[in-house]
Amino acid sequence: MKQTIRKSPAKKLLSSIAVSCSITAAGMLAGCSSSDNSAKEDIPVVNTSADLVVYGKIFTSESGKIVEAFAVKDGKYVYVGDKKGAEVYVEAGKTEVVDYTDKGLVMPGCGNGHSHYMLGYALKSIGTLIGLQDDSEKLLKEIVPAAVKKARAEGATSIFAQGWRLQSLEANMPTRLDLDAICSDIPIYLLDEECHKALANTILLKKAGIIKEDGTAGRTTLRGGEIVTDADGMPTGLLKEQAQTYRALIPRQR
């Protein structure tokens, strides 16, 4: 009489697991021995092309990391890394490729036509804003006096404001003498909304050599700019283009 040996459910489960593991291991070994060594080279497998691929020296802003390439699809980064890894995202006729290798540094930026970030920070922290519609009366009676009061309270060595519009002031353009009447001992610099013109008081113009210490006219011409003068040839305090560049107004201390 033959004896029937029945396996317990636990033994059956262990046997199934062993068989599955053997099959999986065999598959992994077969994959490793394949001629396709892309996994070894850590090249991504992608099913779609990118809209844009850029090569070059690329600063990612992530812990100071520099990479060789990035790829973009539908406005989003889909790859950031080495050049070889990005090449799989290139599809002829569909992907725009920009090679900036050895041409400079590629770095992230804001989609902005023209901005003055440092100026914005300075205005918020230490400066004074002038409204586009503010006229000369408001500027001289309210805005500048408030800026002077703030400067004295904080022990500031200069007074900086920005935002006036030419069309709002040109009917009665303030002069250095108007600003002197409010404050003559602290340099005042009022930049317009475009950053192409400025108003300054006498002490600031003296520091720049535009007016001499004896009160006579000093330097009244400047390449790339205009130092506006009155009928007597004296600077009025209105400076245009390169003449209003702040660094040029304060000579470097030697």
Protein backbone atom coordinates (compact mmCIF):
# COMPACT_ATOMS: atom_id res chain seq x y z
CA MET A 1 0.00 0.00 0.00
CA LYS A 2 1.44 3.29 -1.08
CA GLN A 3 1.73 5.96 1.51
CA THR A 4 0.51 9.39 0.44
CA ILE A 5 2.53 12.30 1.78
CA ARG A 6 0.61 15.53 2.00
CA LYS A 7 2.36 18.86 2.33
CA SER A 8 1.06 21.33 4.83
CA PRO A 9 -0.19 24.72 3.54
CA ALA A 10 2.89 26.39 5.07
CA LYS A 11 5.26 24.10 3.16
CA LYS A 12 3.36 24.72 -0.08
CA LEU A 13 3.77 28.50 0.43
CA LEU A 14 7.49 28.18 1.07
CA SER A 15 7.92 26.09 -2.07
CA SER A 16 6.10 28.69 -4.17
CA ILE A 17 8.25 31.48 -2.79
CA ALA A 18 11.42 29.53 -3.55
CA VAL A 19 10.36 28.94 -7.15
CA SER A 20 9.43 32.61 -7.62
CA CYS A 21 12.76 33.77 -6.23
CA SER A 22 14.63 31.43 -8.56
CA ILE A 23 12.77 32.77 -11.58
CA THR A 24 13.34 36.39 -10.55
CA ALA A 25 17.04 35.83 -9.91
CA ALA A 26 17.44 34.17 -13.28
CA GLY A 27 15.76 37.10 -14.96
CA MET A 28 18.04 39.59 -13.18
CA LEU A 29 21.14 37.67 -14.18
CA ALA A 30 19.98 37.53 -17.76
CA GLY A 31 19.38 41.27 -17.74
CA CYS A 32 22.83 41.98 -16.31
CA SER A 33 24.51 39.80 -18.92
CA SER A 34 22.64 41.53 -21.75
CA SER A 35 24.61 43.56 -24.26
CA ASP A 36 22.49 46.58 -23.26
CA ASN A 37 24.63 48.20 -20.56
CA SER A 38 22.59 51.42 -20.27
CA ALA A 39 21.79 50.67 -16.63
CA LYS A 40 25.50 50.55 -15.86
CA GLU A 41 25.97 53.96 -17.41
CA ASP A 42 22.98 55.36 -15.49
CA ILE A 43 21.34 56.77 -18.62
CA PRO A 44 17.61 57.38 -18.16
CA VAL A 45 15.10 55.48 -20.24
CA VAL A 46 12.55 57.91 -21.65
CA ASN A 47 9.44 57.49 -23.70
CA THR A 48 9.18 61.06 -24.89
CA SER A 49 11.40 63.74 -26.36
CA ALA A 50 12.06 67.12 -24.77
CA ASP A 51 11.07 70.45 -26.23
CA LEU A 52 14.45 71.97 -25.34
CA VAL A 53 17.88 70.58 -24.44
CA VAL A 54 20.72 72.86 -23.38
CA TYR A 55 24.40 71.92 -23.10
CA GLY A 56 27.09 73.94 -21.36
CA LYS A 57 28.43 74.93 -17.96
CA ILE A 58 25.15 75.14 -16.06
CA PHE A 59 24.76 76.48 -12.54
CA THR A 60 21.72 74.90 -10.89
CA SER A 61 21.50 77.07 -7.72
CA GLU A 62 21.31 73.83 -5.76
CA SER A 63 24.24 73.71 -3.32
CA GLY A 64 26.46 75.37 -5.93
CA LYS A 65 26.14 72.37 -8.25
CA ILE A 66 27.39 72.62 -11.85
CA VAL A 67 26.01 70.26 -14.50
CA GLU A 68 26.54 69.74 -18.23
CA ALA A 69 22.97 69.73 -19.52
CA PHE A 70 19.27 69.99 -18.86
CA ALA A 71 16.10 69.09 -20.74
CA VAL A 72 12.70 70.81 -20.68
CA LYS A 73 9.29 69.41 -21.60
CA ASP A 74 6.05 71.39 -21.44
CA GLY A 75 7.76 74.16 -19.49
CA LYS A 76 9.19 71.85 -16.83
CA TYR A 77 12.66 70.42 -16.24
CA VAL A 78 12.61 66.70 -16.99
CA TYR A 79 16.35 66.14 -16.74
CA VAL A 80 19.33 67.85 -15.14
CA GLY A 81 22.72 66.18 -15.26
CA ASP A 82 25.50 65.17 -17.63
CA LYS A 83 25.44 65.66 -21.40
CA LYS A 84 25.17 61.98 -22.25
CA GLY A 85 22.08 61.62 -20.13
CA ALA A 86 20.40 64.55 -21.87
CA GLU A 87 21.06 63.23 -25.36
CA VAL A 88 18.30 60.60 -25.05
CA TYR A 89 15.77 63.44 -24.84
CA VAL A 90 16.74 64.80 -28.27
CA GLU A 91 14.48 63.91 -31.17
CA ALA A 92 15.41 65.23 -34.59
CA GLY A 93 12.93 67.76 -35.88
CA LYS A 94 11.16 68.13 -32.52
CA THR A 95 13.75 69.11 -29.93
CA GLU A 96 15.46 72.48 -29.95
CA VAL A 97 19.10 72.01 -28.97
CA VAL A 98 21.19 74.90 -27.65
CA ASP A 99 24.89 74.15 -27.26
CA TYR A 100 26.48 76.76 -25.00
CA THR A 101 29.59 74.71 -24.29
CA ASP A 102 32.69 76.90 -23.66
CA LYS A 103 30.66 80.06 -24.28
CA GLY A 104 29.99 81.12 -20.71
CA LEU A 105 27.82 80.28 -17.72
CA VAL A 106 24.18 79.24 -17.98
CA MET A 107 22.14 79.98 -14.87
CA PRO A 108 18.51 80.21 -13.74
CA GLY A 109 16.81 83.57 -14.05
CA CYS A 110 13.47 85.29 -13.77
CA GLY A 111 11.36 85.85 -16.86
CA ASN A 112 11.68 89.58 -16.61
CA GLY A 113 12.43 92.15 -19.26
CA HIS A 114 14.18 94.70 -17.09
CA SER A 115 14.50 94.98 -13.31
CA HIS A 116 16.63 96.65 -10.68
CA TYR A 117 16.59 94.20 -7.79
CA MET A 118 19.23 95.96 -5.70
CA LEU A 119 17.42 99.25 -6.16
CA GLY A 120 14.19 97.67 -4.97
CA TYR A 121 15.91 96.34 -1.87
CA ALA A 122 17.53 99.70 -1.14
CA LEU A 123 14.22 101.54 -1.44
CA LYS A 124 12.46 99.13 0.87
CA SER A 125 15.18 99.13 3.51
CA ILE A 126 16.65 102.63 3.58
CA GLY A 127 15.05 104.72 0.86
CA THR A 128 11.87 106.67 0.18
CA LEU A 129 9.36 106.12 -2.60
CA ILE A 130 8.02 108.99 -4.72
CA GLY A 131 4.68 108.49 -6.47
CA LEU A 132 4.38 108.93 -10.22
CA GLN A 133 1.67 111.56 -9.78
CA ASP A 134 3.43 113.47 -7.00
CA ASP A 135 4.05 117.06 -8.10
CA SER A 136 6.81 119.46 -7.07
CA GLU A 137 4.78 120.92 -4.20
CA LYS A 138 4.17 117.55 -2.59
CA LEU A 139 7.77 116.51 -3.19
CA LEU A 140 9.20 119.59 -1.46
CA LYS A 141 6.64 120.01 1.29
CA GLU A 142 5.96 116.40 2.29
CA ILE A 143 8.19 113.73 0.76
CA VAL A 144 11.66 115.25 1.07
CA PRO A 145 11.10 116.62 4.60
CA ALA A 146 9.89 113.17 5.72
CA ALA A 147 12.95 111.55 4.13
CA VAL A 148 15.25 114.03 5.89
CA LYS A 149 13.55 113.37 9.22
CA LYS A 150 13.99 109.61 8.71
CA ALA A 151 17.66 110.06 7.80
CA ARG A 152 18.43 112.16 10.85
CA ALA A 153 16.63 109.73 13.15
CA GLU A 154 18.66 106.82 11.78
CA GLY A 155 21.95 108.70 11.56
CA ALA A 156 22.11 108.20 7.78
CA THR A 157 24.89 109.90 5.82
CA SER A 158 22.83 110.31 2.64
CA ILE A 159 19.18 110.57 1.58
CA PHE A 160 17.94 108.41 -1.27
CA ALA A 161 14.51 108.38 -2.94
CA GLN A 162 13.15 107.18 -6.26
CA GLY A 163 10.06 107.29 -8.44
CA TRP A 164 9.36 110.83 -9.64
CA ARG A 165 8.02 111.29 -13.16
CA LEU A 166 9.25 114.06 -15.45
CA GLN A 167 5.74 114.93 -16.61
CA SER A 168 4.65 115.50 -13.00
CA LEU A 169 7.53 117.86 -12.15
CA GLU A 170 8.59 119.60 -15.36
CA ALA A 171 6.14 122.49 -14.98
CA ASN A 172 8.02 123.52 -11.85
CA MET A 173 11.19 121.43 -11.75
CA PRO A 174 12.80 121.49 -8.28
CA THR A 175 16.37 122.76 -8.10
CA ARG A 176 19.30 122.11 -5.82
CA LEU A 177 18.45 125.35 -4.02
CA ASP A 178 14.96 124.04 -3.28
CA LEU A 179 16.49 120.91 -1.78
CA ASP A 180 19.10 122.96 0.11
CA ALA A 181 16.29 124.88 1.79
CA ILE A 182 15.10 121.57 3.27
CA CYS A 183 18.48 120.00 3.98
CA SER A 184 21.90 121.38 3.12
CA ASP A 185 24.17 119.22 5.29
CA ILE A 186 23.22 115.71 4.11
CA PRO A 187 23.58 114.69 0.43
CA ILE A 188 20.17 114.22 -1.24
CA TYR A 189 19.75 112.04 -4.33
CA LEU A 190 16.28 111.72 -5.92
CA LEU A 191 16.18 109.23 -8.79
CA ASP A 192 13.35 109.31 -11.32
CA GLU A 193 11.08 106.40 -12.21
CA GLU A 194 13.15 105.42 -15.26
CA CYS A 195 16.55 105.58 -13.56
CA HIS A 196 17.72 108.02 -16.26
CA LYS A 197 17.47 111.31 -14.38
CA ALA A 198 18.11 112.55 -10.85
CA LEU A 199 17.86 115.61 -8.64
CA ALA A 200 20.64 116.44 -6.18
CA ASN A 201 21.31 119.11 -3.58
CA THR A 202 24.42 121.30 -3.49
CA ILE A 203 26.46 119.27 -0.99
CA LEU A 204 26.16 116.20 -3.18
CA LEU A 205 27.17 118.15 -6.29
CA LYS A 206 30.21 119.47 -4.42
CA LYS A 207 31.27 115.96 -3.45
CA ALA A 208 31.11 115.04 -7.13
CA GLY A 209 33.10 118.09 -8.24
CA ILE A 210 30.17 119.44 -10.22
CA ILE A 211 30.21 122.51 -7.99
CA LYS A 212 33.45 123.72 -6.43
CA GLU A 213 33.85 124.31 -2.73
CA ASP A 214 33.84 128.07 -3.33
CA GLY A 215 30.36 127.77 -4.87
CA THR A 216 31.36 128.27 -8.49
CA ALA A 217 30.69 125.82 -11.30
CA GLY A 218 32.97 122.85 -11.50
CA ARG A 219 32.61 120.00 -13.94
CA THR A 220 29.58 120.72 -16.11
CA THR A 221 30.10 118.30 -19.00
CA LEU A 222 30.22 114.52 -18.93
CA ARG A 223 30.46 112.03 -21.76
CA GLY A 224 27.20 110.13 -22.15
CA GLY A 225 25.27 112.44 -19.84
CA GLU A 226 24.05 115.95 -19.19
CA ILE A 227 24.61 118.22 -16.20
CA VAL A 228 21.80 120.74 -16.63
CA THR A 229 22.87 124.35 -16.01
CA ASP A 230 21.02 127.65 -15.72
CA ALA A 231 21.55 130.84 -17.72
CA ASP A 232 24.64 131.66 -15.64
CA GLY A 233 26.23 128.27 -16.27
CA MET A 234 25.58 126.96 -12.77
CA PRO A 235 24.34 123.38 -12.27
CA THR A 236 20.65 123.35 -11.35
CA GLY A 237 20.75 119.97 -9.64
CA LEU A 238 19.13 118.05 -12.51
CA LEU A 239 21.33 115.30 -13.90
CA LYS A 240 20.62 113.10 -16.91
CA GLU A 241 21.84 109.71 -18.10
CA GLN A 242 25.49 109.04 -17.16
CA ALA A 243 25.59 112.23 -15.15
CA GLN A 244 23.09 110.78 -12.69
CA THR A 245 25.02 107.57 -12.02
CA TYR A 246 25.33 107.48 -8.28
CA ARG A 247 28.86 106.13 -8.14
CA ALA A 248 30.06 109.02 -10.27
CA LEU A 249 28.48 111.46 -7.85
CA ILE A 250 30.50 110.22 -4.88
CA PRO A 251 34.25 110.22 -5.75
CA ARG A 252 36.12 107.22 -4.38
CA GLN A 253 37.95 108.00 -1.14
CA ARG A 254 41.69 107.72 -1.52
